[in-house]
Amino acid sequence: ERHYFIRGGLLNRTFLALDKIGRFIDRFIPKAIRQRAVKKAE
């Protein structure tokens, strides 16, 4: 499936683009930063 998200107006499409960018760079987030963020959420 390639159409999980409904495309809305310009703002929504902008956020969807940022969503894709974030998903791409997620693999490059240092483990220390992720652990720090998890600890803060906890």
Full PDB file with SEQRES, HELIX, SHEET, SSBOND, CRYST1, ORIGX, SCALE, CONECT and MASTER records, all heavy atoms in Angstrom:
SEQRES   1 A   42  GLU ARG HIS TYR PHE ILE ARG GLY GLY LEU LEU ASN ARG          
SEQRES   2 A   42  THR PHE LEU ALA LEU ASP LYS ILE GLY ARG PHE ILE ASP          
SEQRES   3 A   42  ARG PHE ILE PRO LYS ALA ILE ARG GLN ARG ALA VAL LYS          
SEQRES   4 A   42  LYS ALA GLU                                                  
HELIX    1 AA1 LEU A   10  ILE A   25  1                                  16    
HELIX    2 AA2 ASP A   26  PHE A   28  5                                   3    
HELIX    3 AA3 LYS A   31  ALA A   41  1                                  11    
CRYST1    1.000    1.000    1.000  90.00  90.00  90.00 P 1           1          
ORIGX1      1.000000  0.000000  0.000000        0.00000                         
ORIGX2      0.000000  1.000000  0.000000        0.00000                         
ORIGX3      0.000000  0.000000  1.000000        0.00000                         
SCALE1      1.000000  0.000000  0.000000        0.00000                         
SCALE2      0.000000  1.000000  0.000000        0.00000                         
SCALE3      0.000000  0.000000  1.000000        0.00000                         
ATOM      1  N   GLU A   1       0.848  -1.201   0.000  1.00  0.00           N  
ATOM      2  CA  GLU A   1       0.000   0.000   0.000  1.00  0.00           C  
ATOM      3  C   GLU A   1       0.883   1.251   0.000  1.00  0.00           C  
ATOM      4  O   GLU A   1       1.855   1.353   0.745  1.00  0.00           O  
ATOM      5  CB  GLU A   1      -0.909  -0.013   1.235  1.00  0.00           C  
ATOM      6  CG  GLU A   1      -1.769   1.225   1.396  1.00  0.00           C  
ATOM      7  CD  GLU A   1      -2.775   1.386   0.284  1.00  0.00           C  
ATOM      8  OE1 GLU A   1      -3.597   0.464   0.076  1.00  0.00           O  
ATOM      9  OE2 GLU A   1      -2.737   2.453  -0.370  1.00  0.00           O  
ATOM     10  N   ARG A   2       0.516   2.216  -0.863  1.00  0.00           N  
ATOM     11  CA  ARG A   2       1.301   3.449  -0.964  1.00  0.00           C  
ATOM     12  C   ARG A   2       0.482   4.706  -0.641  1.00  0.00           C  
ATOM     13  O   ARG A   2       0.986   5.821  -0.787  1.00  0.00           O  
ATOM     14  CB  ARG A   2       1.876   3.588  -2.389  1.00  0.00           C  
ATOM     15  CG  ARG A   2       2.989   2.594  -2.700  1.00  0.00           C  
ATOM     16  CD  ARG A   2       4.228   2.890  -1.866  1.00  0.00           C  
ATOM     17  NE  ARG A   2       5.341   1.970  -2.133  1.00  0.00           N  
ATOM     18  CZ  ARG A   2       5.555   0.853  -1.455  1.00  0.00           C  
ATOM     19  NH1 ARG A   2       4.716   0.507  -0.469  1.00  0.00           N  
ATOM     20  NH2 ARG A   2       6.574   0.070  -1.755  1.00  0.00           N  
ATOM     21  N   HIS A   3      -0.737   4.533  -0.191  1.00  0.00           N  
ATOM     22  CA  HIS A   3      -1.615   5.693   0.008  1.00  0.00           C  
ATOM     23  C   HIS A   3      -2.257   5.649   1.398  1.00  0.00           C  
ATOM     24  O   HIS A   3      -3.478   5.656   1.546  1.00  0.00           O  
ATOM     25  CB  HIS A   3      -2.683   5.737  -1.076  1.00  0.00           C  
ATOM     26  CG  HIS A   3      -2.126   5.785  -2.463  1.00  0.00           C  
ATOM     27  ND1 HIS A   3      -1.507   6.911  -2.975  1.00  0.00           N  
ATOM     28  CD2 HIS A   3      -2.067   4.834  -3.436  1.00  0.00           C  
ATOM     29  CE1 HIS A   3      -1.101   6.654  -4.205  1.00  0.00           C  
ATOM     30  NE2 HIS A   3      -1.416   5.415  -4.513  1.00  0.00           N  
ATOM     31  N   TYR A   4      -1.416   5.635   2.407  1.00  0.00           N  
ATOM     32  CA  TYR A   4      -1.927   5.622   3.775  1.00  0.00           C  
ATOM     33  C   TYR A   4      -2.374   7.012   4.246  1.00  0.00           C  
ATOM     34  O   TYR A   4      -3.197   7.128   5.145  1.00  0.00           O  
ATOM     35  CB  TYR A   4      -0.857   5.088   4.735  1.00  0.00           C  
ATOM     36  CG  TYR A   4      -0.701   3.588   4.691  1.00  0.00           C  
ATOM     37  CD1 TYR A   4       0.434   3.000   4.121  1.00  0.00           C  
ATOM     38  CD2 TYR A   4      -1.676   2.756   5.225  1.00  0.00           C  
ATOM     39  CE1 TYR A   4       0.598   1.618   4.093  1.00  0.00           C  
ATOM     40  CE2 TYR A   4      -1.528   1.378   5.198  1.00  0.00           C  
ATOM     41  CZ  TYR A   4      -0.395   0.811   4.634  1.00  0.00           C  
ATOM     42  OH  TYR A   4      -0.248  -0.557   4.610  1.00  0.00           O  
ATOM     43  N   PHE A   5      -1.822   8.066   3.641  1.00  0.00           N  
ATOM     44  CA  PHE A   5      -2.109   9.420   4.110  1.00  0.00           C  
ATOM     45  C   PHE A   5      -2.927  10.187   3.075  1.00  0.00           C  
ATOM     46  O   PHE A   5      -2.627  10.143   1.872  1.00  0.00           O  
ATOM     47  CB  PHE A   5      -0.808  10.182   4.403  1.00  0.00           C  
ATOM     48  CG  PHE A   5      -0.042   9.624   5.566  1.00  0.00           C  
ATOM     49  CD1 PHE A   5       0.980   8.694   5.362  1.00  0.00           C  
ATOM     50  CD2 PHE A   5      -0.348   9.999   6.865  1.00  0.00           C  
ATOM     51  CE1 PHE A   5       1.687   8.168   6.430  1.00  0.00           C  
ATOM     52  CE2 PHE A   5       0.357   9.475   7.947  1.00  0.00           C  
ATOM     53  CZ  PHE A   5       1.370   8.557   7.730  1.00  0.00           C  
ATOM     54  N   ILE A   6      -3.929  10.877   3.559  1.00  0.00           N  
ATOM     55  CA  ILE A   6      -4.733  11.737   2.697  1.00  0.00           C  
ATOM     56  C   ILE A   6      -4.013  13.075   2.547  1.00  0.00           C  
ATOM     57  O   ILE A   6      -3.596  13.687   3.536  1.00  0.00           O  
ATOM     58  CB  ILE A   6      -6.135  11.959   3.298  1.00  0.00           C  
ATOM     59  CG1 ILE A   6      -6.873  10.619   3.402  1.00  0.00           C  
ATOM     60  CG2 ILE A   6      -6.936  12.955   2.471  1.00  0.00           C  
ATOM     61  CD1 ILE A   6      -8.210  10.720   4.119  1.00  0.00           C  
ATOM     62  N   ARG A   7      -3.885  13.523   1.334  1.00  0.00           N  
ATOM     63  CA  ARG A   7      -3.222  14.803   1.086  1.00  0.00           C  
ATOM     64  C   ARG A   7      -4.266  15.920   1.107  1.00  0.00           C  
ATOM     65  O   ARG A   7      -5.234  15.897   0.352  1.00  0.00           O  
ATOM     66  CB  ARG A   7      -2.491  14.783  -0.260  1.00  0.00           C  
ATOM     67  CG  ARG A   7      -1.326  13.805  -0.257  1.00  0.00           C  
ATOM     68  CD  ARG A   7      -0.520  13.889  -1.544  1.00  0.00           C  
ATOM     69  NE  ARG A   7       0.631  13.007  -1.478  1.00  0.00           N  
ATOM     70  CZ  ARG A   7       1.786  13.330  -0.936  1.00  0.00           C  
ATOM     71  NH1 ARG A   7       1.935  14.519  -0.386  1.00  0.00           N  
ATOM     72  NH2 ARG A   7       2.792  12.473  -0.915  1.00  0.00           N  
ATOM     73  N   GLY A   8      -4.027  16.883   1.994  1.00  0.00           N  
ATOM     74  CA  GLY A   8      -4.943  17.995   2.120  1.00  0.00           C  
ATOM     75  C   GLY A   8      -4.389  19.258   1.500  1.00  0.00           C  
ATOM     76  O   GLY A   8      -3.827  19.247   0.403  1.00  0.00           O  
ATOM     77  N   GLY A   9      -4.520  20.380   2.223  1.00  0.00           N  
ATOM     78  CA  GLY A   9      -4.057  21.655   1.719  1.00  0.00           C  
ATOM     79  C   GLY A   9      -2.544  21.787   1.780  1.00  0.00           C  
ATOM     80  O   GLY A   9      -1.815  20.839   2.102  1.00  0.00           O  
ATOM     81  N   LEU A  10      -2.077  23.000   1.479  1.00  0.00           N  
ATOM     82  CA  LEU A  10      -0.641  23.255   1.406  1.00  0.00           C  
ATOM     83  C   LEU A  10       0.053  22.960   2.730  1.00  0.00           C  
ATOM     84  O   LEU A  10       1.117  22.331   2.754  1.00  0.00           O  
ATOM     85  CB  LEU A  10      -0.396  24.713   1.004  1.00  0.00           C  
ATOM     86  CG  LEU A  10       1.075  25.166   0.966  1.00  0.00           C  
ATOM     87  CD1 LEU A  10       1.855  24.345  -0.057  1.00  0.00           C  
ATOM     88  CD2 LEU A  10       1.159  26.655   0.653  1.00  0.00           C  
ATOM     89  N   LEU A  11      -0.550  23.392   3.834  1.00  0.00           N  
ATOM     90  CA  LEU A  11       0.078  23.170   5.136  1.00  0.00           C  
ATOM     91  C   LEU A  11       0.188  21.680   5.434  1.00  0.00           C  
ATOM     92  O   LEU A  11       1.220  21.200   5.914  1.00  0.00           O  
ATOM     93  CB  LEU A  11      -0.721  23.888   6.230  1.00  0.00           C  
ATOM     94  CG  LEU A  11      -0.097  23.902   7.630  1.00  0.00           C  
ATOM     95  CD1 LEU A  11       1.269  24.561   7.615  1.00  0.00           C  
ATOM     96  CD2 LEU A  11      -1.027  24.618   8.614  1.00  0.00           C  
ATOM     97  N   ASN A  12      -0.878  20.940   5.145  1.00  0.00           N  
ATOM     98  CA  ASN A  12      -0.852  19.499   5.370  1.00  0.00           C  
ATOM     99  C   ASN A  12       0.204  18.821   4.508  1.00  0.00           C  
ATOM    100  O   ASN A  12       0.954  17.953   4.971  1.00  0.00           O  
ATOM    101  CB  ASN A  12      -2.239  18.906   5.085  1.00  0.00           C  
ATOM    102  CG  ASN A  12      -2.255  17.393   5.142  1.00  0.00           C  
ATOM    103  OD1 ASN A  12      -2.222  16.729   4.112  1.00  0.00           O  
ATOM    104  ND2 ASN A  12      -2.273  16.848   6.346  1.00  0.00           N  
ATOM    105  N   ARG A  13       0.300  19.217   3.232  1.00  0.00           N  
ATOM    106  CA  ARG A  13       1.304  18.618   2.338  1.00  0.00           C  
ATOM    107  C   ARG A  13       2.713  18.960   2.804  1.00  0.00           C  
ATOM    108  O   ARG A  13       3.631  18.146   2.680  1.00  0.00           O  
ATOM    109  CB  ARG A  13       1.073  19.094   0.900  1.00  0.00           C  
ATOM    110  CG  ARG A  13      -0.219  18.575   0.285  1.00  0.00           C  
ATOM    111  CD  ARG A  13      -0.218  18.709  -1.236  1.00  0.00           C  
ATOM    112  NE  ARG A  13      -0.045  20.087  -1.666  1.00  0.00           N  
ATOM    113  CZ  ARG A  13      -1.033  20.966  -1.825  1.00  0.00           C  
ATOM    114  NH1 ARG A  13      -2.288  20.591  -1.557  1.00  0.00           N  
ATOM    115  NH2 ARG A  13      -0.791  22.191  -2.257  1.00  0.00           N  
ATOM    116  N   THR A  14       2.881  20.163   3.357  1.00  0.00           N  
ATOM    117  CA  THR A  14       4.186  20.549   3.889  1.00  0.00           C  
ATOM    118  C   THR A  14       4.573  19.655   5.055  1.00  0.00           C  
ATOM    119  O   THR A  14       5.714  19.173   5.137  1.00  0.00           O  
ATOM    120  CB  THR A  14       4.170  22.021   4.332  1.00  0.00           C  
ATOM    121  OG1 THR A  14       3.841  22.851   3.215  1.00  0.00           O  
ATOM    122  CG2 THR A  14       5.526  22.434   4.889  1.00  0.00           C  
ATOM    123  N   PHE A  15       3.615  19.426   5.945  1.00  0.00           N  
ATOM    124  CA  PHE A  15       3.894  18.558   7.089  1.00  0.00           C  
ATOM    125  C   PHE A  15       4.167  17.123   6.646  1.00  0.00           C  
ATOM    126  O   PHE A  15       5.004  16.428   7.231  1.00  0.00           O  
ATOM    127  CB  PHE A  15       2.731  18.598   8.088  1.00  0.00           C  
ATOM    128  CG  PHE A  15       2.763  19.785   9.011  1.00  0.00           C  
ATOM    129  CD1 PHE A  15       1.666  20.632   9.114  1.00  0.00           C  
ATOM    130  CD2 PHE A  15       3.882  20.050   9.790  1.00  0.00           C  
ATOM    131  CE1 PHE A  15       1.686  21.727   9.970  1.00  0.00           C  
ATOM    132  CE2 PHE A  15       3.911  21.139  10.652  1.00  0.00           C  
ATOM    133  CZ  PHE A  15       2.814  21.987  10.743  1.00  0.00           C  
ATOM    134  N   LEU A  16       3.458  16.653   5.611  1.00  0.00           N  
ATOM    135  CA  LEU A  16       3.724  15.304   5.102  1.00  0.00           C  
ATOM    136  C   LEU A  16       5.147  15.202   4.549  1.00  0.00           C  
ATOM    137  O   LEU A  16       5.822  14.184   4.732  1.00  0.00           O  
ATOM    138  CB  LEU A  16       2.701  14.940   4.023  1.00  0.00           C  
ATOM    139  CG  LEU A  16       1.312  14.538   4.508  1.00  0.00           C  
ATOM    140  CD1 LEU A  16       0.360  14.365   3.327  1.00  0.00           C  
ATOM    141  CD2 LEU A  16       1.375  13.234   5.315  1.00  0.00           C  
ATOM    142  N   ALA A  17       5.596  16.263   3.868  1.00  0.00           N  
ATOM    143  CA  ALA A  17       6.968  16.270   3.351  1.00  0.00           C  
ATOM    144  C   ALA A  17       7.976  16.242   4.498  1.00  0.00           C  
ATOM    145  O   ALA A  17       8.977  15.500   4.454  1.00  0.00           O  
ATOM    146  CB  ALA A  17       7.184  17.501   2.478  1.00  0.00           C  
ATOM    147  N   LEU A  18       7.710  17.022   5.536  1.00  0.00           N  
ATOM    148  CA  LEU A  18       8.590  17.021   6.701  1.00  0.00           C  
ATOM    149  C   LEU A  18       8.568  15.658   7.390  1.00  0.00           C  
ATOM    150  O   LEU A  18       9.587  15.200   7.927  1.00  0.00           O  
ATOM    151  CB  LEU A  18       8.161  18.117   7.677  1.00  0.00           C  
ATOM    152  CG  LEU A  18       8.373  19.562   7.198  1.00  0.00           C  
ATOM    153  CD1 LEU A  18       7.743  20.539   8.179  1.00  0.00           C  
ATOM    154  CD2 LEU A  18       9.860  19.860   7.035  1.00  0.00           C  
ATOM    155  N   ASP A  19       7.399  15.019   7.371  1.00  0.00           N  
ATOM    156  CA  ASP A  19       7.267  13.687   7.961  1.00  0.00           C  
ATOM    157  C   ASP A  19       8.201  12.698   7.256  1.00  0.00           C  
ATOM    158  O   ASP A  19       8.891  11.900   7.900  1.00  0.00           O  
ATOM    159  CB  ASP A  19       5.804  13.236   7.849  1.00  0.00           C  
ATOM    160  CG  ASP A  19       5.524  11.942   8.593  1.00  0.00           C  
ATOM    161  OD1 ASP A  19       5.650  10.859   7.982  1.00  0.00           O  
ATOM    162  OD2 ASP A  19       5.172  12.008   9.782  1.00  0.00           O  
ATOM    163  N   LYS A  20       8.247  12.765   5.934  1.00  0.00           N  
ATOM    164  CA  LYS A  20       9.126  11.875   5.170  1.00  0.00           C  
ATOM    165  C   LYS A  20      10.591  12.163   5.458  1.00  0.00           C  
ATOM    166  O   LYS A  20      11.411  11.246   5.581  1.00  0.00           O  
ATOM    167  CB  LYS A  20       8.840  12.025   3.681  1.00  0.00           C  
ATOM    168  CG  LYS A  20       7.520  11.402   3.236  1.00  0.00           C  
ATOM    169  CD  LYS A  20       7.361  11.499   1.729  1.00  0.00           C  
ATOM    170  CE  LYS A  20       6.067  10.831   1.270  1.00  0.00           C  
ATOM    171  NZ  LYS A  20       5.887  10.929  -0.203  1.00  0.00           N  
ATOM    172  N   ILE A  21      10.915  13.436   5.552  1.00  0.00           N  
ATOM    173  CA  ILE A  21      12.303  13.811   5.850  1.00  0.00           C  
ATOM    174  C   ILE A  21      12.702  13.290   7.227  1.00  0.00           C  
ATOM    175  O   ILE A  21      13.789  12.721   7.416  1.00  0.00           O  
ATOM    176  CB  ILE A  21      12.468  15.338   5.778  1.00  0.00           C  
ATOM    177  CG1 ILE A  21      12.270  15.816   4.338  1.00  0.00           C  
ATOM    178  CG2 ILE A  21      13.841  15.763   6.305  1.00  0.00           C  
ATOM    179  CD1 ILE A  21      12.200  17.330   4.196  1.00  0.00           C  
ATOM    180  N   GLY A  22      11.825  13.480   8.192  1.00  0.00           N  
ATOM    181  CA  GLY A  22      12.113  13.004   9.543  1.00  0.00           C  
ATOM    182  C   GLY A  22      12.299  11.503   9.593  1.00  0.00           C  
ATOM    183  O   GLY A  22      13.215  10.985  10.268  1.00  0.00           O  
ATOM    184  N   ARG A  23      11.448  10.790   8.859  1.00  0.00           N  
ATOM    185  CA  ARG A  23      11.565   9.328   8.838  1.00  0.00           C  
ATOM    186  C   ARG A  23      12.908   8.897   8.229  1.00  0.00           C  
ATOM    187  O   ARG A  23      13.514   7.920   8.669  1.00  0.00           O  
ATOM    188  CB  ARG A  23      10.396   8.743   8.046  1.00  0.00           C  
ATOM    189  CG  ARG A  23      10.147   7.273   8.280  1.00  0.00           C  
ATOM    190  CD  ARG A  23       8.983   6.789   7.416  1.00  0.00           C  
ATOM    191  NE  ARG A  23       7.780   7.574   7.649  1.00  0.00           N  
ATOM    192  CZ  ARG A  23       6.937   7.356   8.653  1.00  0.00           C  
ATOM    193  NH1 ARG A  23       7.190   6.389   9.510  1.00  0.00           N  
ATOM    194  NH2 ARG A  23       5.862   8.098   8.795  1.00  0.00           N  
ATOM    195  N   PHE A  24      13.366   9.659   7.225  1.00  0.00           N  
ATOM    196  CA  PHE A  24      14.637   9.318   6.585  1.00  0.00           C  
ATOM    197  C   PHE A  24      15.815   9.527   7.541  1.00  0.00           C  
ATOM    198  O   PHE A  24      16.721   8.690   7.623  1.00  0.00           O  
ATOM    199  CB  PHE A  24      14.824  10.156   5.319  1.00  0.00           C  
ATOM    200  CG  PHE A  24      16.168   9.988   4.678  1.00  0.00           C  
ATOM    201  CD1 PHE A  24      16.467   8.848   3.934  1.00  0.00           C  
ATOM    202  CD2 PHE A  24      17.164  10.950   4.836  1.00  0.00           C  
ATOM    203  CE1 PHE A  24      17.721   8.677   3.356  1.00  0.00           C  
ATOM    204  CE2 PHE A  24      18.418  10.786   4.267  1.00  0.00           C  
ATOM    205  CZ  PHE A  24      18.690   9.646   3.521  1.00  0.00           C  
ATOM    206  N   ILE A  25      15.802  10.667   8.249  1.00  0.00           N  
ATOM    207  CA  ILE A  25      16.957  10.976   9.106  1.00  0.00           C  
ATOM    208  C   ILE A  25      16.902  10.246  10.443  1.00  0.00           C  
ATOM    209  O   ILE A  25      17.882  10.288  11.204  1.00  0.00           O  
ATOM    210  CB  ILE A  25      17.083  12.497   9.347  1.00  0.00           C  
ATOM    211  CG1 ILE A  25      15.896  13.013  10.176  1.00  0.00           C  
ATOM    212  CG2 ILE A  25      17.202  13.249   8.025  1.00  0.00           C  
ATOM    213  CD1 ILE A  25      16.039  14.473  10.572  1.00  0.00           C  
ATOM    214  N   ASP A  26      15.810   9.569  10.714  1.00  0.00           N  
ATOM    215  CA  ASP A  26      15.669   8.887  12.006  1.00  0.00           C  
ATOM    216  C   ASP A  26      16.815   7.905  12.240  1.00  0.00           C  
ATOM    217  O   ASP A  26      17.318   7.778  13.359  1.00  0.00           O  
ATOM    218  CB  ASP A  26      14.327   8.151  12.064  1.00  0.00           C  
ATOM    219  CG  ASP A  26      14.070   7.527  13.420  1.00  0.00           C  
ATOM    220  OD1 ASP A  26      13.587   8.235  14.330  1.00  0.00           O  
ATOM    221  OD2 ASP A  26      14.358   6.320  13.586  1.00  0.00           O  
ATOM    222  N   ARG A  27      17.216   7.232  11.178  1.00  0.00           N  
ATOM    223  CA  ARG A  27      18.266   6.211  11.325  1.00  0.00           C  
ATOM    224  C   ARG A  27      19.612   6.823  11.719  1.00  0.00           C  
ATOM    225  O   ARG A  27      20.499   6.119  12.179  1.00  0.00           O  
ATOM    226  CB  ARG A  27      18.401   5.439  10.012  1.00  0.00           C  
ATOM    227  CG  ARG A  27      19.024   6.234   8.878  1.00  0.00           C  
ATOM    228  CD  ARG A  27      18.815   5.607   7.517  1.00  0.00           C  
ATOM    229  NE  ARG A  27      17.432   5.786   7.073  1.00  0.00           N  
ATOM    230  CZ  ARG A  27      16.977   5.361   5.900  1.00  0.00           C  
ATOM    231  NH1 ARG A  27      17.790   4.719   5.071  1.00  0.00           N  
ATOM    232  NH2 ARG A  27      15.720   5.560   5.558  1.00  0.00           N  
ATOM    233  N   PHE A  28      19.745   8.130  11.516  1.00  0.00           N  
ATOM    234  CA  PHE A  28      21.018   8.789  11.818  1.00  0.00           C  
ATOM    235  C   PHE A  28      21.040   9.460  13.192  1.00  0.00           C  
ATOM    236  O   PHE A  28      22.049  10.064  13.563  1.00  0.00           O  
ATOM    237  CB  PHE A  28      21.328   9.831  10.741  1.00  0.00           C  
ATOM    238  CG  PHE A  28      21.378   9.261   9.352  1.00  0.00           C  
ATOM    239  CD1 PHE A  28      20.426   9.612   8.406  1.00  0.00           C  
ATOM    240  CD2 PHE A  28      22.363   8.346   8.992  1.00  0.00           C  
ATOM    241  CE1 PHE A  28      20.457   9.087   7.129  1.00  0.00           C  
ATOM    242  CE2 PHE A  28      22.411   7.814   7.710  1.00  0.00           C  
ATOM    243  CZ  PHE A  28      21.455   8.173   6.774  1.00  0.00           C  
ATOM    244  N   ILE A  29      19.935   9.384  13.921  1.00  0.00           N  
ATOM    245  CA  ILE A  29      19.891  10.005  15.251  1.00  0.00           C  
ATOM    246  C   ILE A  29      20.821   9.229  16.188  1.00  0.00           C  
ATOM    247  O   ILE A  29      20.700   8.004  16.332  1.00  0.00           O  
ATOM    248  CB  ILE A  29      18.452  10.004  15.811  1.00  0.00           C  
ATOM    249  CG1 ILE A  29      17.554  10.897  14.950  1.00  0.00           C  
ATOM    250  CG2 ILE A  29      18.432  10.484  17.264  1.00  0.00           C  
ATOM    251  CD1 ILE A  29      16.093  10.875  15.361  1.00  0.00           C  
ATOM    252  N   PRO A  30      21.758   9.902  16.825  1.00  0.00           N  
ATOM    253  CA  PRO A  30      22.676   9.200  17.739  1.00  0.00           C  
ATOM    254  C   PRO A  30      21.912   8.518  18.872  1.00  0.00           C  
ATOM    255  O   PRO A  30      20.920   9.047  19.385  1.00  0.00           O  
ATOM    256  CB  PRO A  30      23.574  10.324  18.274  1.00  0.00           C  
ATOM    257  CG  PRO A  30      23.497  11.395  17.235  1.00  0.00           C  
ATOM    258  CD  PRO A  30      22.112  11.327  16.685  1.00  0.00           C  
ATOM    259  N   LYS A  31      22.395   7.344  19.249  1.00  0.00           N  
ATOM    260  CA  LYS A  31      21.727   6.588  20.307  1.00  0.00           C  
ATOM    261  C   LYS A  31      21.667   7.373  21.609  1.00  0.00           C  
ATOM    262  O   LYS A  31      20.693   7.273  22.363  1.00  0.00           O  
ATOM    263  CB  LYS A  31      22.449   5.259  20.531  1.00  0.00           C  
ATOM    264  CG  LYS A  31      22.251   4.241  19.416  1.00  0.00           C  
ATOM    265  CD  LYS A  31      22.914   2.908  19.758  1.00  0.00           C  
ATOM    266  CE  LYS A  31      22.694   1.888  18.654  1.00  0.00           C  
ATOM    267  NZ  LYS A  31      23.348   0.575  18.971  1.00  0.00           N  
ATOM    268  N   ALA A  32      22.672   8.159  21.872  1.00  0.00           N  
ATOM    269  CA  ALA A  32      22.703   8.922  23.120  1.00  0.00           C  
ATOM    270  C   ALA A  32      21.561   9.934  23.175  1.00  0.00           C  
ATOM    271  O   ALA A  32      20.949  10.148  24.229  1.00  0.00           O  
ATOM    272  CB  ALA A  32      24.040   9.630  23.262  1.00  0.00           C  
ATOM    273  N   ILE A  33      21.285  10.555  22.020  1.00  0.00           N  
ATOM    274  CA  ILE A  33      20.187  11.529  21.978  1.00  0.00           C  
ATOM    275  C   ILE A  33      18.850  10.825  22.152  1.00  0.00           C  
ATOM    276  O   ILE A  33      17.973  11.295  22.889  1.00  0.00           O  
ATOM    277  CB  ILE A  33      20.231  12.323  20.660  1.00  0.00           C  
ATOM    278  CG1 ILE A  33      21.465  13.220  20.646  1.00  0.00           C  
ATOM    279  CG2 ILE A  33      18.955  13.137  20.476  1.00  0.00           C  
ATOM    280  CD1 ILE A  33      21.622  14.043  19.378  1.00  0.00           C  
ATOM    281  N   ARG A  34      18.716   9.664  21.486  1.00  0.00           N  
ATOM    282  CA  ARG A  34      17.455   8.926  21.636  1.00  0.00           C  
ATOM    283  C   ARG A  34      17.259   8.484  23.081  1.00  0.00           C  
ATOM    284  O   ARG A  34      16.156   8.593  23.626  1.00  0.00           O  
ATOM    285  CB  ARG A  34      17.424   7.733  20.691  1.00  0.00           C  
ATOM    286  CG  ARG A  34      16.224   6.820  20.894  1.00  0.00           C  
ATOM    287  CD  ARG A  34      15.577   6.425  19.597  1.00  0.00           C  
ATOM    288  NE  ARG A  34      14.984   7.533  18.882  1.00  0.00           N  
ATOM    289  CZ  ARG A  34      14.441   7.445  17.667  1.00  0.00           C  
ATOM    290  NH1 ARG A  34      14.422   6.286  17.035  1.00  0.00           N  
ATOM    291  NH2 ARG A  34      13.914   8.505  17.074  1.00  0.00           N  
ATOM    292  N   GLN A  35      18.295   7.986  23.691  1.00  0.00           N  
ATOM    293  CA  GLN A  35      18.180   7.541  25.079  1.00  0.00           C  
ATOM    294  C   GLN A  35      17.832   8.703  26.005  1.00  0.00           C  
ATOM    295  O   GLN A  35      17.029   8.560  26.919  1.00  0.00           O  
ATOM    296  CB  GLN A  35      19.487   6.872  25.515  1.00  0.00           C  
ATOM    297  CG  GLN A  35      19.730   5.516  24.859  1.00  0.00           C  
ATOM    298  CD  GLN A  35      21.113   4.964  25.150  1.00  0.00           C  
ATOM    299  OE1 GLN A  35      21.950   5.638  25.761  1.00  0.00           O  
ATOM    300  NE2 GLN A  35      21.380   3.737  24.705  1.00  0.00           N  
ATOM    301  N   ARG A  36      18.433   9.854  25.724  1.00  0.00           N  
ATOM    302  CA  ARG A  36      18.126  11.034  26.523  1.00  0.00           C  
ATOM    303  C   ARG A  36      16.661  11.430  26.367  1.00  0.00           C  
ATOM    304  O   ARG A  36      15.975  11.772  27.339  1.00  0.00           O  
ATOM    305  CB  ARG A  36      19.036  12.183  26.097  1.00  0.00           C  
ATOM    306  CG  ARG A  36      18.800  13.481  26.846  1.00  0.00           C  
ATOM    307  CD  ARG A  36      19.705  14.577  26.306  1.00  0.00           C  
ATOM    308  NE  ARG A  36      19.241  15.893  26.701  1.00  0.00           N  
ATOM    309  CZ  ARG A  36      19.432  16.995  26.000  1.00  0.00           C  
ATOM    310  NH1 ARG A  36      20.074  16.939  24.837  1.00  0.00           N  
ATOM    311  NH2 ARG A  36      18.994  18.154  26.434  1.00  0.00           N  
ATOM    312  N   ALA A  37      16.160  11.360  25.139  1.00  0.00           N  
ATOM    313  CA  ALA A  37      14.764  11.720  24.884  1.00  0.00           C  
ATOM    314  C   ALA A  37      13.811  10.727  25.551  1.00  0.00           C  
ATOM    315  O   ALA A  37      12.785  11.117  26.121  1.00  0.00           O  
ATOM    316  CB  ALA A  37      14.508  11.772  23.384  1.00  0.00           C  
ATOM    317  N   VAL A  38      14.143   9.442  25.472  1.00  0.00           N  
ATOM    318  CA  VAL A  38      13.314   8.427  26.125  1.00  0.00           C  
ATOM    319  C   VAL A  38      13.268   8.660  27.630  1.00  0.00           C  
ATOM    320  O   VAL A  38      12.199   8.579  28.260  1.00  0.00           O  
ATOM    321  CB  VAL A  38      13.843   7.012  25.803  1.00  0.00           C  
ATOM    322  CG1 VAL A  38      13.161   5.969  26.689  1.00  0.00           C  
ATOM    323  CG2 VAL A  38      13.606   6.675  24.329  1.00  0.00           C  
ATOM    324  N   LYS A  39      14.411   8.967  28.199  1.00  0.00           N  
ATOM    325  CA  LYS A  39      14.461   9.229  29.641  1.00  0.00           C  
ATOM    326  C   LYS A  39      13.610  10.445  30.007  1.00  0.00           C  
ATOM    327  O   LYS A  39      12.942  10.462  31.045  1.00  0.00           O  
ATOM    328  CB  LYS A  39      15.909   9.446  30.088  1.00  0.00           C  
ATOM    329  CG  LYS A  39      16.743   8.167  30.156  1.00  0.00           C  
ATOM    330  CD  LYS A  39      16.199   7.224  31.230  1.00  0.00           C  
ATOM    331  CE  LYS A  39      17.057   5.972  31.364  1.00  0.00           C  
ATOM    332  NZ  LYS A  39      16.468   5.026  32.356  1.00  0.00           N  
ATOM    333  N   LYS A  40      13.636  11.452  29.143  1.00  0.00           N  
ATOM    334  CA  LYS A  40      12.838  12.645  29.432  1.00  0.00           C  
ATOM    335  C   LYS A  40      11.345  12.347  29.327  1.00  0.00           C  
ATOM    336  O   LYS A  40      10.543  12.836  30.129  1.00  0.00           O  
ATOM    337  CB  LYS A  40      13.220  13.781  28.479  1.00  0.00           C  
ATOM    338  CG  LYS A  40      12.597  15.115  28.883  1.00  0.00           C  
ATOM    339  CD  LYS A  40      13.250  16.293  28.189  1.00  0.00           C  
ATOM    340  CE  LYS A  40      12.653  17.607  28.707  1.00  0.00           C  
ATOM    341  NZ  LYS A  40      13.282  18.792  28.060  1.00  0.00           N  
ATOM    342  N   ALA A  41      10.964  11.536  28.350  1.00  0.00           N  
ATOM    343  CA  ALA A  41       9.555  11.138  28.231  1.00  0.00           C  
ATOM    344  C   ALA A  41       9.129  10.333  29.446  1.00  0.00           C  
ATOM    345  O   ALA A  41       8.046  10.554  30.013  1.00  0.00           O  
ATOM    346  CB  ALA A  41       9.354  10.328  26.951  1.00  0.00           C  
ATOM    347  N   GLU A  42       9.979   9.405  29.840  1.00  0.00           N  
ATOM    348  CA  GLU A  42       9.696   8.586  31.016  1.00  0.00           C  
ATOM    349  C   GLU A  42       9.581   9.458  32.266  1.00  0.00           C  
ATOM    350  O   GLU A  42       8.655   9.282  33.081  1.00  0.00           O  
ATOM    351  CB  GLU A  42      10.817   7.556  31.180  1.00  0.00           C  
ATOM    352  CG  GLU A  42      10.626   6.576  32.318  1.00  0.00           C  
ATOM    353  CD  GLU A  42      11.826   5.637  32.435  1.00  0.00           C  
ATOM    354  OE1 GLU A  42      12.839   5.850  31.719  1.00  0.00           O  
ATOM    355  OE2 GLU A  42      11.752   4.706  33.253  1.00  0.00           O  
TER     356      GLU A  42                                                      
MASTER        0    0    0    3    0    0    0    6  355    1    0    4          
END                                                                             
